């Protein structure tokens, strides 16, 4: 909540489980979507860390427990979990995939 002149003046929190809406005064907002990696779609096909992130098997690379599958972004980054880091790791994964494909061409 707020205005162009005053900036942020508060937040309105709506419950997803039936609780009443709550309004709090605030001078700023930091938005975090969540901290659990969304990896259920993998169906157990890749090795995960104890915290549920995709395990990278080669330090400083995007390799996973399955050859030719590369992990990038927040699902593989337990430390930083930031959009700019996720974008950069996506570029790294694309380069690793390209190199994998070139190395396995017949």
Protein backbone atom coordinates (compact mmCIF):
# COMPACT_ATOMS: atom_id res chain seq x y z
CA UNK A 1 0.00 0.00 0.00
CA UNK A 2 1.15 3.57 -0.52
CA UNK A 3 1.21 6.49 -2.90
CA UNK A 4 3.59 7.98 -5.44
CA UNK A 5 4.30 10.81 -3.01
CA UNK A 6 4.73 8.78 0.20
CA UNK A 7 6.10 5.56 -1.27
CA UNK A 8 5.35 2.36 0.61
CA UNK A 9 3.17 2.94 3.68
CA UNK A 10 2.09 -0.60 4.49
CA UNK A 11 1.28 -4.10 3.33
CA UNK A 12 -1.99 -5.99 3.06
CA UNK A 13 -1.65 -9.71 3.66
CA UNK A 14 -4.38 -12.00 2.35
CA UNK A 15 -4.61 -15.48 3.80
CA UNK A 16 -4.77 -18.55 1.58
CA UNK A 17 -6.19 -20.64 4.45
CA UNK A 18 -9.20 -18.56 5.46
CA UNK A 19 -7.67 -16.22 8.04
CA UNK A 20 -8.76 -12.57 7.99
CA UNK A 21 -6.85 -10.06 5.87
CA UNK A 22 -4.14 -8.27 7.86
CA UNK A 23 -2.79 -4.75 7.24
CA UNK A 24 0.56 -3.66 8.66
CA UNK A 25 2.36 -0.33 8.50
CA UNK A 26 5.67 -0.55 6.66
CA UNK A 27 8.19 1.83 5.12
CA UNK A 28 9.51 -0.73 2.64
CA UNK A 29 8.96 -4.23 1.28
CA UNK A 30 11.28 -7.11 0.46
CA UNK A 31 9.50 -9.83 -1.52
CA UNK A 32 10.57 -13.46 -1.20
CA UNK A 33 8.60 -16.11 -3.09
CA UNK A 34 9.78 -19.11 -1.13
CA UNK A 35 12.79 -21.08 -0.08
CA UNK A 36 11.94 -24.63 -1.09
CA UNK A 37 13.22 -25.73 -4.50
CA UNK A 38 10.42 -26.82 -6.84
CA UNK A 39 11.84 -30.16 -8.00
CA UNK A 40 8.84 -32.49 -7.63
CA UNK A 41 8.51 -32.67 -11.43
CA UNK A 42 11.79 -34.62 -11.52
CA UNK A 43 10.15 -37.65 -9.91
CA UNK A 44 13.35 -38.72 -8.19
CA UNK A 45 15.31 -39.00 -11.44
CA UNK A 46 18.14 -36.71 -10.24
CA UNK A 47 20.13 -36.89 -7.04
CA UNK A 48 19.20 -34.13 -4.58
CA UNK A 49 21.06 -32.62 -1.64
CA UNK A 50 19.81 -33.20 1.90
CA UNK A 51 17.97 -29.86 1.62
CA UNK A 52 16.15 -30.88 -1.58
CA UNK A 53 18.20 -28.98 -4.16
CA UNK A 54 19.51 -30.65 -7.33
CA UNK A 55 22.98 -31.94 -6.52
CA UNK A 56 25.70 -30.73 -8.85
CA UNK A 57 28.27 -33.49 -9.16
CA UNK A 58 31.22 -31.45 -10.48
CA UNK A 59 32.36 -28.43 -8.44
CA UNK A 60 31.76 -25.06 -10.18
CA UNK A 61 29.85 -26.76 -13.03
CA UNK A 62 26.20 -27.53 -13.75
CA UNK A 63 26.55 -31.34 -14.14
CA UNK A 64 24.03 -33.52 -12.30
CA UNK A 65 23.85 -37.20 -11.42
CA UNK A 66 22.53 -37.94 -14.94
CA UNK A 67 24.92 -37.46 -17.86
CA UNK A 68 23.65 -34.80 -20.24
CA UNK A 69 21.32 -33.21 -17.67
CA UNK A 70 22.48 -29.85 -16.32
CA UNK A 71 21.01 -27.85 -13.42
CA UNK A 72 20.77 -24.09 -13.15
CA UNK A 73 19.02 -21.49 -11.08
CA UNK A 74 17.43 -21.63 -7.67
CA UNK A 75 16.75 -25.39 -7.79
CA UNK A 76 20.51 -25.99 -7.74
CA UNK A 77 21.72 -22.98 -5.73
CA UNK A 78 21.45 -23.44 -1.97
CA UNK A 79 23.58 -20.40 -1.17
CA UNK A 80 22.58 -17.34 -3.23
CA UNK A 81 19.09 -17.94 -4.70
CA UNK A 82 19.05 -14.65 -6.60
CA UNK A 83 17.62 -13.90 -10.03
CA UNK A 84 20.89 -12.57 -11.45
CA UNK A 85 22.79 -15.64 -10.19
CA UNK A 86 20.08 -17.93 -11.62
CA UNK A 87 20.34 -16.22 -15.02
CA UNK A 88 24.12 -16.58 -15.04
CA UNK A 89 23.95 -20.26 -14.05
CA UNK A 90 21.45 -20.78 -16.88
CA UNK A 91 24.06 -19.47 -19.31
CA UNK A 92 26.63 -21.82 -17.76
CA UNK A 93 24.25 -24.78 -18.10
CA UNK A 94 23.65 -23.93 -21.76
CA UNK A 95 27.41 -23.88 -22.40
CA UNK A 96 27.88 -27.17 -20.52
CA UNK A 97 25.06 -28.75 -22.55
CA UNK A 98 26.62 -27.52 -25.81
CA UNK A 99 30.01 -28.94 -24.85
CA UNK A 100 28.40 -32.25 -23.82
CA UNK A 101 26.61 -32.52 -27.15
CA UNK A 102 29.76 -31.67 -29.14
CA UNK A 103 31.78 -34.25 -27.18
CA UNK A 104 29.20 -36.99 -27.79
CA UNK A 105 28.63 -36.39 -31.52
CA UNK A 106 29.34 -39.39 -33.71
